[in-house]
Amino acid sequence: MIKVFNTLTGKKEEFKPLQSDTVGIYLCGPTVYDEPHIGHARSAYVFEVIRRYFQFKGYKVRFVRNVTDVDDKIISKAREQKTPEDISLVCKQIAEKYYNIYSLWMSKLGISPPDIEPWATEHIPEMQKLISILIDKEYAYVSNGDVYFRVKKFEEYGKLSKRSWDELIAGARIEPGENKEDPLDFALWKKAKPQEPSWDSPWGKGRPGWHIECSVMSTSYLGVPFDIHCGGIDLIFPHHENEIAQSEAATEKQFARYWLHNGLLTINGHKMAKSLGNFITIEQVLSRYHPDILKLFFLSTNYRNPIDFSWEKLDELVEAKEKLDSFLARSVGIKRNETQLKSSKVSNMFQKLNKLREQYIQAMDDDFNTAVALGTLYELTNLGNKILDDATIWFVHKNILISEIRQTILNFGKIFCLFEEVSESKEYAQLLDKVVAIRELLRREKQYTIADKIREELMSLGIIVEDGKDKTTWRKASKLNESQA
């Protein structure tokens, strides 16, 4: 039984999907106008972990993540270029450029592509249809080419963010150029301005408001209602609140049943912003550290909690990754043996292994508590190393235990998108094994200069060679300048 914290109800609830074997998830995706930063990485990563855990539990997952490719920020970026080209074309080029960059860094983090990835500009007709329904029901009105949603007509407005009408009214205002009936109202359709992308509509040329995009793209592929809507906590108000209002006003049905939100990422206690000089891109982090280091950092805190980034915290996690990698390197090649276990000592080890397996699943079942679940991976590693170093355990029993622990770590690690290199081609691993074996032969023949040169060359490629008491192993560096340490 999986329990999730539902922002809508404000409490943990047993998760019950609409279909017994399938989970529908919608994640608010990127607005593609700039390099993705580590805050984007956290949101994409935590919901990839949640997606994978549902799959681990036997569910089929239909995962939809949108792309916002028409937006004020994209238009501003296009205007900055000051080219004579059609601005719609420039906006499209900007969106495609930064979408490709975003996709590249998601891939580097081991985050799988969504099952469906709709782009906003591909769904303009559906958005216009939804707006027309809202106008017919008098939930929306046309004002000088703009279309606005009447917030006060939707009585449940504020139910997601838990804001009272007094709080809403206190923070509302009408910006210059807006033609609202009420400061609380929000735009569904924006009248075309000079040098902006626009589409024909029953209300004149214009473009969709931001909120209407997600209502259309989520329900188009997941239906009404659907299981899980997720995104950053900063989207609860007004974006997700507005999505609920316009969707439920139009359909008279519940929009999304469970709302999951990840906490914000700060830099040394401050909000990340280019103006503060603390804007950190995914590329900046991955140019210095193995991707697993950033993932371990994200996993160390529950996804709902805020998380504060510093380079020092990443440095502290290098050793943790090295311990995990070292055990996986020590245990490589050990195969499962079906010999019956008779030793009481070995039976106790198996009991510890099974207890750690249960702890991992219990933690993840409890609103995806990755911090506790990650701790079990470290404990599994300690258990495995203890068994490997115990000379009193018969080698057949040792192989059985180590193969089970190794496979458990890899299976749980896959949920966390960890240890991706373990899955690389057998040819790649076999080649490195042979290089290390040749180096070991040279060392036995006391040709240390050549052996050291091979080690240095491998380190320059990010491969760390470790000479153990009984065996030489290799692994990928956790920090990209580790060979210089």
Protein backbone atom coordinates (compact mmCIF):
# COMPACT_ATOMS: atom_id res chain seq x y z
CA MET A 1 0.00 0.00 0.00
CA ILE A 2 1.45 3.32 -1.09
CA LYS A 3 0.57 6.46 0.87
CA VAL A 4 0.99 9.88 -0.73
CA PHE A 5 0.71 13.38 0.69
CA ASN A 6 -2.14 14.97 -1.25
CA THR A 7 -1.80 18.77 -1.35
CA LEU A 8 -5.52 19.00 -2.12
CA THR A 9 -6.58 17.40 1.19
CA GLY A 10 -3.48 18.38 3.15
CA LYS A 11 -2.82 14.87 4.46
CA LYS A 12 -1.34 11.49 3.61
CA GLU A 13 -3.76 9.16 1.90
CA GLU A 14 -3.72 5.62 0.60
CA PHE A 15 -3.19 5.84 -3.14
CA LYS A 16 -5.99 4.19 -5.11
CA PRO A 17 -5.72 4.62 -8.89
CA LEU A 18 -8.78 4.90 -11.09
CA GLN A 19 -7.69 1.72 -12.86
CA SER A 20 -6.37 -1.08 -10.66
CA ASP A 21 -3.22 -1.67 -12.69
CA THR A 22 -2.51 1.74 -14.28
CA VAL A 23 -1.42 5.15 -12.94
CA GLY A 24 -1.89 8.34 -14.94
CA ILE A 25 0.60 11.11 -14.03
CA TYR A 26 0.87 14.66 -15.40
CA LEU A 27 3.95 16.77 -14.64
CA CYS A 28 4.22 20.44 -15.50
CA GLY A 29 7.24 20.46 -17.79
CA PRO A 30 9.73 23.13 -18.86
CA THR A 31 9.15 26.51 -20.41
CA VAL A 32 11.93 26.28 -22.96
CA TYR A 33 13.67 29.65 -23.07
CA ASP A 34 16.93 29.17 -21.13
CA GLU A 35 19.45 26.62 -19.82
CA PRO A 36 17.88 24.21 -17.29
CA HIS A 37 19.05 24.77 -13.71
CA ILE A 38 19.31 22.37 -10.80
CA GLY A 39 15.83 23.33 -9.57
CA HIS A 40 14.45 21.98 -12.85
CA ALA A 41 16.58 18.88 -12.32
CA ARG A 42 15.13 18.26 -8.87
CA SER A 43 11.52 18.42 -10.01
CA ALA A 44 12.09 16.19 -13.03
CA TYR A 45 14.16 13.74 -10.99
CA VAL A 46 11.90 13.27 -7.97
CA PHE A 47 8.89 12.55 -10.16
CA GLU A 48 10.94 10.17 -12.29
CA VAL A 49 11.74 8.29 -9.07
CA ILE A 50 8.04 8.23 -8.16
CA ARG A 51 7.20 7.02 -11.67
CA ARG A 52 9.77 4.22 -11.40
CA TYR A 53 8.56 3.19 -7.95
CA PHE A 54 5.02 2.76 -9.21
CA GLN A 55 6.46 0.58 -11.98
CA PHE A 56 8.48 -1.39 -9.41
CA LYS A 57 5.22 -2.03 -7.53
CA GLY A 58 3.69 -3.53 -10.66
CA TYR A 59 1.70 -0.62 -12.06
CA LYS A 60 1.67 0.46 -15.67
CA VAL A 61 2.40 4.19 -15.74
CA ARG A 62 1.16 6.67 -18.33
CA PHE A 63 3.45 9.62 -17.73
CA VAL A 64 2.73 12.93 -19.47
CA ARG A 65 5.10 15.93 -19.26
CA ASN A 66 4.29 19.02 -21.32
CA VAL A 67 6.49 21.58 -23.06
CA THR A 68 5.48 25.25 -22.90
CA ASP A 69 6.73 26.72 -26.19
CA VAL A 70 4.70 29.95 -26.24
CA ASP A 71 5.22 32.30 -23.31
CA ASP A 72 6.20 35.88 -22.37
CA LYS A 73 9.75 34.73 -21.53
CA ILE A 74 10.24 33.07 -24.91
CA ILE A 75 8.91 36.18 -26.68
CA SER A 76 11.25 38.44 -24.65
CA LYS A 77 14.19 36.21 -25.59
CA ALA A 78 13.20 36.44 -29.25
CA ARG A 79 13.00 40.25 -29.07
CA GLU A 80 16.48 40.42 -27.55
CA GLN A 81 17.89 38.91 -30.72
CA LYS A 82 16.67 41.92 -32.76
CA THR A 83 16.67 40.00 -36.02
CA PRO A 84 14.59 40.95 -39.06
CA GLU A 85 13.09 37.45 -39.13
CA ASP A 86 9.47 36.69 -38.30
CA ILE A 87 9.26 36.64 -34.49
CA SER A 88 7.09 33.51 -34.55
CA LEU A 89 9.90 31.69 -36.33
CA VAL A 90 12.48 33.01 -33.86
CA CYS A 91 10.31 31.87 -30.91
CA LYS A 92 10.05 28.43 -32.47
CA GLN A 93 13.83 28.26 -32.94
CA ILE A 94 14.43 29.31 -29.33
CA ALA A 95 11.95 26.73 -28.03
CA GLU A 96 13.49 23.93 -30.08
CA LYS A 97 17.03 24.91 -29.06
CA TYR A 98 16.35 24.94 -25.33
CA TYR A 99 14.10 21.87 -25.49
CA ASN A 100 17.01 19.94 -27.01
CA ILE A 101 19.33 21.24 -24.29
CA TYR A 102 16.81 20.31 -21.59
CA SER A 103 16.39 16.81 -23.07
CA LEU A 104 20.15 16.35 -23.22
CA TRP A 105 20.64 17.09 -19.51
CA MET A 106 17.66 14.97 -18.50
CA SER A 107 19.29 12.12 -20.41
CA LYS A 108 22.62 12.75 -18.66
CA LEU A 109 20.78 12.38 -15.34
CA GLY A 110 19.27 9.08 -16.47
CA ILE A 111 15.74 10.53 -16.49
CA SER A 112 13.59 8.67 -18.99
CA PRO A 113 11.59 10.58 -21.60
CA PRO A 114 7.88 10.88 -20.76
CA ASP A 115 5.47 8.49 -22.42
CA ILE A 116 3.77 11.51 -23.97
CA GLU A 117 5.31 14.97 -24.36
CA PRO A 118 2.75 17.44 -25.80
CA TRP A 119 3.79 20.92 -26.92
CA ALA A 120 1.45 23.81 -26.16
CA THR A 121 1.35 25.19 -29.71
CA GLU A 122 0.17 21.80 -30.99
CA HIS A 123 -3.04 22.09 -28.93
CA ILE A 124 -4.36 25.57 -29.73
CA PRO A 125 -7.70 24.30 -31.19
CA GLU A 126 -8.43 22.26 -28.04
CA MET A 127 -7.63 25.29 -25.86
CA GLN A 128 -10.02 27.44 -27.87
CA LYS A 129 -12.72 24.79 -27.50
CA LEU A 130 -12.32 24.73 -23.71
CA ILE A 131 -12.42 28.54 -23.57
CA SER A 132 -15.61 28.57 -25.65
CA ILE A 133 -17.25 26.15 -23.19
CA LEU A 134 -16.32 28.44 -20.31
CA ILE A 135 -17.73 31.47 -22.12
CA ASP A 136 -20.99 29.61 -22.84
CA LYS A 137 -21.26 28.72 -19.14
CA GLU A 138 -20.50 32.36 -18.21
CA TYR A 139 -17.38 31.34 -16.32
CA ALA A 140 -15.42 33.42 -18.84
CA TYR A 141 -15.93 36.67 -20.71
CA VAL A 142 -14.43 38.50 -23.69
CA SER A 143 -12.96 41.94 -23.07
CA ASN A 144 -11.43 43.86 -25.97
CA GLY A 145 -9.98 40.71 -27.55
CA ASP A 146 -8.80 39.17 -24.26
CA VAL A 147 -10.70 36.37 -22.53
CA TYR A 148 -10.74 36.16 -18.73
CA PHE A 149 -11.97 33.59 -16.22
CA ARG A 150 -14.46 34.81 -13.57
CA VAL A 151 -12.80 33.59 -10.42
CA LYS A 152 -15.59 34.54 -7.99
CA LYS A 153 -18.10 32.45 -9.95
CA PHE A 154 -16.10 29.33 -9.10
CA GLU A 155 -16.92 29.05 -5.40
CA GLU A 156 -14.26 26.44 -4.58
CA TYR A 157 -11.41 28.66 -5.79
CA GLY A 158 -8.55 28.48 -3.27
CA LYS A 159 -9.16 24.87 -2.21
CA LEU A 160 -5.71 23.70 -3.33
CA SER A 161 -3.65 26.59 -1.94
CA LYS A 162 -5.90 26.90 1.15
CA ARG A 163 -6.28 30.65 0.60
CA SER A 164 -9.34 32.47 1.86
CA TRP A 165 -11.25 35.00 -0.24
CA ASP A 166 -9.86 37.80 1.94
CA GLU A 167 -6.30 36.65 1.26
CA LEU A 168 -7.00 36.33 -2.45
CA ILE A 169 -8.55 39.77 -2.71
CA ALA A 170 -5.71 41.37 -0.73
CA GLY A 171 -3.13 40.13 -3.24
CA ALA A 172 -5.11 40.83 -6.42
CA ARG A 173 -4.61 43.78 -8.76
CA ILE A 174 -5.19 44.86 -12.33
CA GLU A 175 -2.03 45.45 -14.34
CA PRO A 176 -1.81 48.23 -16.95
CA GLY A 177 -3.40 47.12 -20.22
CA GLU A 178 -5.65 44.51 -18.61
CA ASN A 179 -9.41 44.73 -19.12
CA LYS A 180 -10.68 42.60 -16.26
CA GLU A 181 -14.05 42.82 -14.53
CA ASP A 182 -12.34 41.88 -11.27
CA PRO A 183 -8.69 41.93 -10.11
CA LEU A 184 -8.94 38.20 -9.23
CA ASP A 185 -9.75 37.16 -12.81
CA PHE A 186 -7.02 35.54 -14.91
CA ALA A 187 -6.37 35.36 -18.65
CA LEU A 188 -7.46 32.41 -20.76
CA TRP A 189 -6.66 34.09 -24.09
CA LYS A 190 -4.45 37.13 -24.74
CA LYS A 191 -5.11 39.59 -27.54
CA ALA A 192 -2.30 39.73 -30.09
CA LYS A 193 0.28 42.47 -29.65
CA PRO A 194 2.67 43.71 -32.34
CA GLN A 195 5.62 41.38 -32.92
CA GLU A 196 4.13 38.43 -31.04
CA PRO A 197 3.19 34.92 -32.19
CA SER A 198 -0.59 34.72 -32.64
CA TRP A 199 -3.38 32.44 -33.84
CA ASP A 200 -6.84 33.15 -35.25
CA SER A 201 -9.68 32.67 -32.79
CA PRO A 202 -13.40 33.53 -32.40
CA TRP A 203 -12.25 36.52 -30.29
CA GLY A 204 -9.61 37.79 -32.72
CA LYS A 205 -5.93 37.04 -33.15
CA GLY A 206 -4.09 36.13 -29.98
CA ARG A 207 -2.41 33.39 -27.98
CA PRO A 208 -3.38 31.20 -25.03
CA GLY A 209 -2.80 32.06 -21.39
CA TRP A 210 -0.36 29.84 -19.53
CA HIS A 211 -2.87 28.08 -17.27
CA ILE A 212 -5.21 26.86 -20.02
CA GLU A 213 -2.36 24.91 -21.63
CA CYS A 214 -1.99 22.37 -18.83
CA SER A 215 -5.74 21.82 -18.43
CA VAL A 216 -5.94 20.81 -22.08
CA MET A 217 -2.73 18.81 -22.35
CA SER A 218 -3.32 16.79 -19.18
CA THR A 219 -6.92 15.79 -19.86
CA SER A 220 -6.33 15.18 -23.58
CA TYR A 221 -4.06 12.26 -22.74
CA LEU A 222 -5.19 11.17 -19.27
CA GLY A 223 -8.94 11.85 -19.29
CA VAL A 224 -11.18 13.43 -16.66
CA PRO A 225 -10.46 12.91 -13.86
CA PHE A 226 -6.92 11.53 -13.81
CA ASP A 227 -4.80 10.16 -10.98
CA ILE A 228 -1.84 12.42 -10.19
CA HIS A 229 -0.94 16.00 -11.07
CA CYS A 230 2.51 17.07 -9.91
CA GLY A 231 4.99 19.93 -10.05
CA GLY A 232 6.93 22.35 -7.90
CA ILE A 233 5.40 23.85 -4.77
CA ASP A 234 5.77 27.30 -6.37
CA LEU A 235 3.12 26.28 -8.94
CA ILE A 236 0.36 25.64 -6.39
CA PHE A 237 -0.76 29.27 -6.66
CA PRO A 238 -1.84 30.56 -9.00
CA HIS A 239 -1.03 28.03 -11.76
CA HIS A 240 -2.47 24.82 -10.33
CA GLU A 241 -5.30 26.65 -8.57
CA ASN A 242 -6.31 28.15 -11.92
CA GLU A 243 -6.05 24.80 -13.67
CA ILE A 244 -8.54 23.32 -11.22
CA ALA A 245 -10.96 26.24 -11.54
CA GLN A 246 -11.14 26.33 -15.34
CA SER A 247 -11.15 22.54 -15.73
CA GLU A 248 -13.82 21.76 -13.15
CA ALA A 249 -15.97 24.70 -14.22
CA ALA A 250 -15.98 23.36 -17.78
CA THR A 251 -16.43 19.63 -17.10
CA GLU A 252 -18.30 19.70 -13.75
CA LYS A 253 -16.04 16.81 -12.75
CA GLN A 254 -13.02 16.52 -10.50
CA PHE A 255 -9.87 17.48 -12.43
CA ALA A 256 -7.02 15.57 -10.70
CA ARG A 257 -7.44 13.28 -7.69
CA TYR A 258 -3.99 13.56 -6.08
CA TRP A 259 -1.69 16.59 -6.13
CA LEU A 260 2.02 16.02 -5.40
CA HIS A 261 4.46 18.93 -5.07
CA ASN A 262 8.21 19.00 -4.61
CA GLY A 263 9.85 21.56 -2.32
CA LEU A 264 11.94 24.47 -3.52
CA LEU A 265 15.71 24.38 -4.01
CA THR A 266 17.75 27.23 -2.54
CA ILE A 267 21.43 28.15 -2.80
CA ASN A 268 23.09 28.71 0.57
CA GLY A 269 19.72 29.72 1.98
CA HIS A 270 18.79 32.10 -0.84
CA LYS A 271 16.40 31.74 -3.75
CA MET A 272 18.23 30.98 -6.96
CA ALA A 273 18.34 33.96 -9.36
CA LYS A 274 20.67 35.25 -12.06
CA SER A 275 20.49 38.71 -10.48
CA LEU A 276 21.99 37.26 -7.26
CA GLY A 277 24.75 35.46 -9.14
CA ASN A 278 23.73 32.07 -7.71
CA PHE A 279 22.02 30.59 -10.78
CA ILE A 280 23.51 27.09 -11.14
CA THR A 281 22.84 25.08 -14.28
CA ILE A 282 22.76 21.30 -14.55
CA GLU A 283 25.74 21.56 -16.89
CA GLN A 284 27.81 23.36 -14.24
CA VAL A 285 27.22 20.56 -11.73
CA LEU A 286 27.76 17.67 -14.14
CA SER A 287 30.98 19.24 -15.40
CA ARG A 288 32.38 18.71 -11.89
CA TYR A 289 30.59 15.64 -10.53
CA HIS A 290 29.27 12.29 -11.62
CA PRO A 291 25.47 12.56 -12.15
CA ASP A 292 24.87 10.14 -9.26
CA ILE A 293 26.27 12.73 -6.82
CA LEU A 294 23.49 15.19 -7.67
CA LYS A 295 20.93 12.38 -7.41
CA LEU A 296 22.22 11.33 -3.99
CA PHE A 297 21.89 14.96 -2.92
CA PHE A 298 18.24 15.06 -4.04
CA LEU A 299 17.49 11.69 -2.42
CA SER A 300 18.88 12.78 0.95
CA THR A 301 15.77 14.91 1.64
CA ASN A 302 12.08 14.03 1.29
CA TYR A 303 10.82 15.37 -2.02
CA ARG A 304 8.25 17.64 -0.33
CA ASN A 305 10.82 19.42 1.80
CA PRO A 306 12.93 22.39 0.70
CA ILE A 307 16.55 21.52 -0.03
CA ASP A 308 19.53 23.86 0.23
CA PHE A 309 22.34 23.39 -2.27
CA SER A 310 26.05 23.97 -1.71
CA TRP A 311 29.16 22.63 -3.39
CA GLU A 312 30.39 21.44 0.00
CA LYS A 313 27.35 19.16 0.35
CA LEU A 314 28.17 17.55 -3.00
CA ASP A 315 31.77 17.03 -1.90
CA GLU A 316 30.52 15.19 1.18
CA LEU A 317 28.54 12.79 -1.01
CA VAL A 318 31.55 11.77 -3.11
CA GLU A 319 32.71 9.37 -0.39
CA ALA A 320 29.21 7.90 -0.08
CA LYS A 321 29.11 7.14 -3.80
CA GLU A 322 32.62 5.69 -3.68
CA LYS A 323 31.52 3.20 -1.00
CA LEU A 324 28.58 2.09 -3.11
CA ASP A 325 30.72 1.83 -6.24
CA SER A 326 33.51 0.05 -4.41
CA PHE A 327 31.19 -2.72 -3.24
CA LEU A 328 29.67 -3.12 -6.70
CA ALA A 329 33.19 -3.36 -8.12
CA ARG A 330 34.25 -5.93 -5.49
CA SER A 331 31.15 -8.03 -6.11
CA VAL A 332 31.25 -8.02 -9.91
CA GLY A 333 31.37 -11.46 -11.51
CA ILE A 334 29.99 -13.27 -8.44
CA LYS A 335 27.23 -15.59 -9.60
CA ARG A 336 24.25 -16.96 -7.70
CA ASN A 337 24.68 -20.55 -6.54
CA GLU A 338 21.66 -22.66 -5.66
CA THR A 339 23.44 -24.61 -2.91
CA GLN A 340 21.28 -24.97 0.21
CA LEU A 341 22.19 -22.71 3.11
CA LYS A 342 22.80 -24.54 6.37
CA SER A 343 25.01 -22.20 8.37
CA SER A 344 23.18 -20.29 11.14
CA LYS A 345 25.56 -17.38 10.58
CA VAL A 346 24.61 -17.22 6.91
CA SER A 347 20.91 -17.49 7.79
CA ASN A 348 21.29 -14.48 10.09
CA MET A 349 22.90 -12.56 7.24
CA PHE A 350 19.95 -13.40 5.00
CA GLN A 351 17.55 -12.20 7.70
CA LYS A 352 19.40 -8.87 7.81
CA LEU A 353 19.22 -8.64 4.02
CA ASN A 354 15.47 -9.29 3.97
CA LYS A 355 14.91 -6.80 6.78
CA LEU A 356 16.74 -4.11 4.79
CA ARG A 357 14.66 -4.94 1.72
CA GLU A 358 11.50 -4.49 3.79
CA GLN A 359 12.78 -1.19 5.24
CA TYR A 360 13.41 0.18 1.75
CA ILE A 361 9.91 -0.70 0.56
CA GLN A 362 8.27 0.57 3.74
CA ALA A 363 10.08 3.90 3.36
CA MET A 364 9.09 4.29 -0.29
CA ASP A 365 5.50 3.25 0.46
CA ASP A 366 5.40 6.08 3.01
CA ASP A 367 5.10 9.02 0.58
CA PHE A 368 8.34 8.08 -1.20
CA ASN A 369 10.66 8.68 1.75
CA THR A 370 13.89 8.53 -0.24
CA ALA A 371 16.10 9.67 2.64
CA VAL A 372 15.30 6.54 4.66
CA ALA A 373 15.29 4.31 1.57
CA LEU A 374 18.73 5.60 0.55
CA GLY A 375 20.00 4.76 4.03
CA THR A 376 19.13 1.11 3.43
CA LEU A 377 21.37 1.10 0.33
CA TYR A 378 24.27 2.25 2.48
CA GLU A 379 23.45 -0.44 5.06
CA LEU A 380 23.27 -3.08 2.33
CA THR A 381 26.72 -2.00 1.17
CA ASN A 382 28.11 -2.27 4.70
CA LEU A 383 26.58 -5.75 5.04
CA GLY A 384 28.05 -6.84 1.72
CA ASN A 385 31.54 -5.61 2.59
CA LYS A 386 31.34 -7.32 5.97
CA ILE A 387 30.50 -10.63 4.28
CA LEU A 388 33.25 -10.23 1.69
CA ASP A 389 35.81 -9.59 4.45
CA ASP A 390 34.61 -12.48 6.66
CA ALA A 391 37.00 -15.40 6.11
CA THR A 392 34.83 -17.74 8.21
CA ILE A 393 31.99 -17.80 5.64
CA TRP A 394 32.36 -20.65 3.14
CA PHE A 395 32.90 -19.24 -0.38
CA VAL A 396 29.73 -20.88 -1.82
CA HIS A 397 27.58 -19.29 0.88
CA LYS A 398 29.46 -16.02 0.43
CA ASN A 399 28.68 -16.02 -3.29
CA ILE A 400 24.99 -16.61 -2.66
CA LEU A 401 24.78 -13.75 -0.16
CA ILE A 402 26.86 -11.29 -2.18
CA SER A 403 24.98 -11.95 -5.41
CA GLU A 404 21.68 -11.35 -3.60
CA ILE A 405 22.92 -8.13 -1.98
CA ARG A 406 24.43 -6.86 -5.23
CA GLN A 407 21.23 -7.52 -7.18
CA THR A 408 19.13 -5.89 -4.44
CA ILE A 409 21.28 -2.74 -4.56
CA LEU A 410 21.08 -2.64 -8.36
CA ASN A 411 17.29 -3.20 -8.36
CA PHE A 412 16.65 -0.49 -5.77
CA GLY A 413 19.27 1.73 -7.38
CA LYS A 414 17.43 1.50 -10.70
CA ILE A 415 14.41 3.12 -9.05
CA PHE A 416 16.72 5.99 -8.10
CA CYS A 417 18.32 6.12 -11.60
CA LEU A 418 21.65 5.20 -9.96
CA PHE A 419 24.48 3.02 -11.23
CA GLU A 420 23.59 3.57 -14.89
CA GLU A 421 27.16 2.65 -15.90
CA VAL A 422 26.66 -0.86 -14.50
CA SER A 423 24.23 -1.40 -17.36
CA GLU A 424 26.73 -0.40 -20.04
CA SER A 425 27.62 -2.88 -22.77
CA LYS A 426 29.35 -6.08 -21.72
CA GLU A 427 31.99 -5.40 -24.37
CA TYR A 428 32.91 -2.12 -22.66
CA ALA A 429 33.27 -3.79 -19.25
CA GLN A 430 35.13 -6.75 -20.71
CA LEU A 431 37.61 -4.44 -22.44
CA LEU A 432 38.34 -2.61 -19.19
CA ASP A 433 38.65 -5.93 -17.35
CA LYS A 434 41.30 -7.04 -19.87
CA VAL A 435 43.22 -3.74 -19.59
CA VAL A 436 43.25 -4.05 -15.79
CA ALA A 437 44.33 -7.71 -16.06
CA ILE A 438 47.23 -6.76 -18.34
CA ARG A 439 48.26 -4.05 -15.88
CA GLU A 440 48.13 -6.60 -13.04
CA LEU A 441 50.39 -8.92 -15.04
CA LEU A 442 52.87 -6.08 -15.58
CA ARG A 443 52.92 -5.38 -11.84
CA ARG A 444 53.67 -9.03 -11.09
CA GLU A 445 56.57 -8.81 -13.51
CA LYS A 446 57.68 -5.64 -11.68
CA GLN A 447 57.19 -3.43 -14.72
CA TYR A 448 55.78 -0.71 -12.51
CA THR A 449 56.49 2.23 -14.82
CA ILE A 450 54.27 0.82 -17.59
CA ALA A 451 51.63 -0.30 -15.06
CA ASP A 452 51.52 3.18 -13.54
CA LYS A 453 51.22 4.72 -17.00
CA ILE A 454 48.19 2.54 -17.78
CA ARG A 455 46.62 3.56 -14.48
CA GLU A 456 47.22 7.26 -15.24
CA GLU A 457 45.73 6.93 -18.72
CA LEU A 458 42.61 5.24 -17.33
CA MET A 459 42.27 7.95 -14.69
CA SER A 460 42.42 10.62 -17.39
CA LEU A 461 39.37 8.91 -18.91
CA GLY A 462 37.52 8.97 -15.58
CA ILE A 463 38.28 5.34 -14.66
CA ILE A 464 39.65 4.77 -11.15
CA VAL A 465 41.81 1.65 -10.66
CA GLU A 466 42.00 0.34 -7.09
CA ASP A 467 44.58 -2.27 -6.04
CA GLY A 468 43.06 -4.41 -3.31
CA LYS A 469 44.64 -7.12 -1.21
CA ASP A 470 43.33 -9.95 -3.35
CA LYS A 471 41.98 -8.23 -6.44
CA THR A 472 42.36 -5.10 -8.58
CA THR A 473 39.07 -3.41 -9.50
CA TRP A 474 37.99 -0.41 -11.58
CA ARG A 475 35.14 2.07 -11.32
CA LYS A 476 34.08 5.39 -12.78
CA ALA A 477 35.13 8.53 -10.93
CA SER A 478 32.48 10.20 -8.74
CA LYS A 479 34.05 13.61 -9.12
CA LEU A 480 35.39 14.52 -12.53
CA ASN A 481 38.65 15.90 -11.16
CA GLU A 482 39.08 12.96 -8.77
CA SER A 483 42.20 11.77 -10.58
CA GLN A 484 43.87 15.04 -9.58
CA ALA A 485 42.98 14.70 -5.91
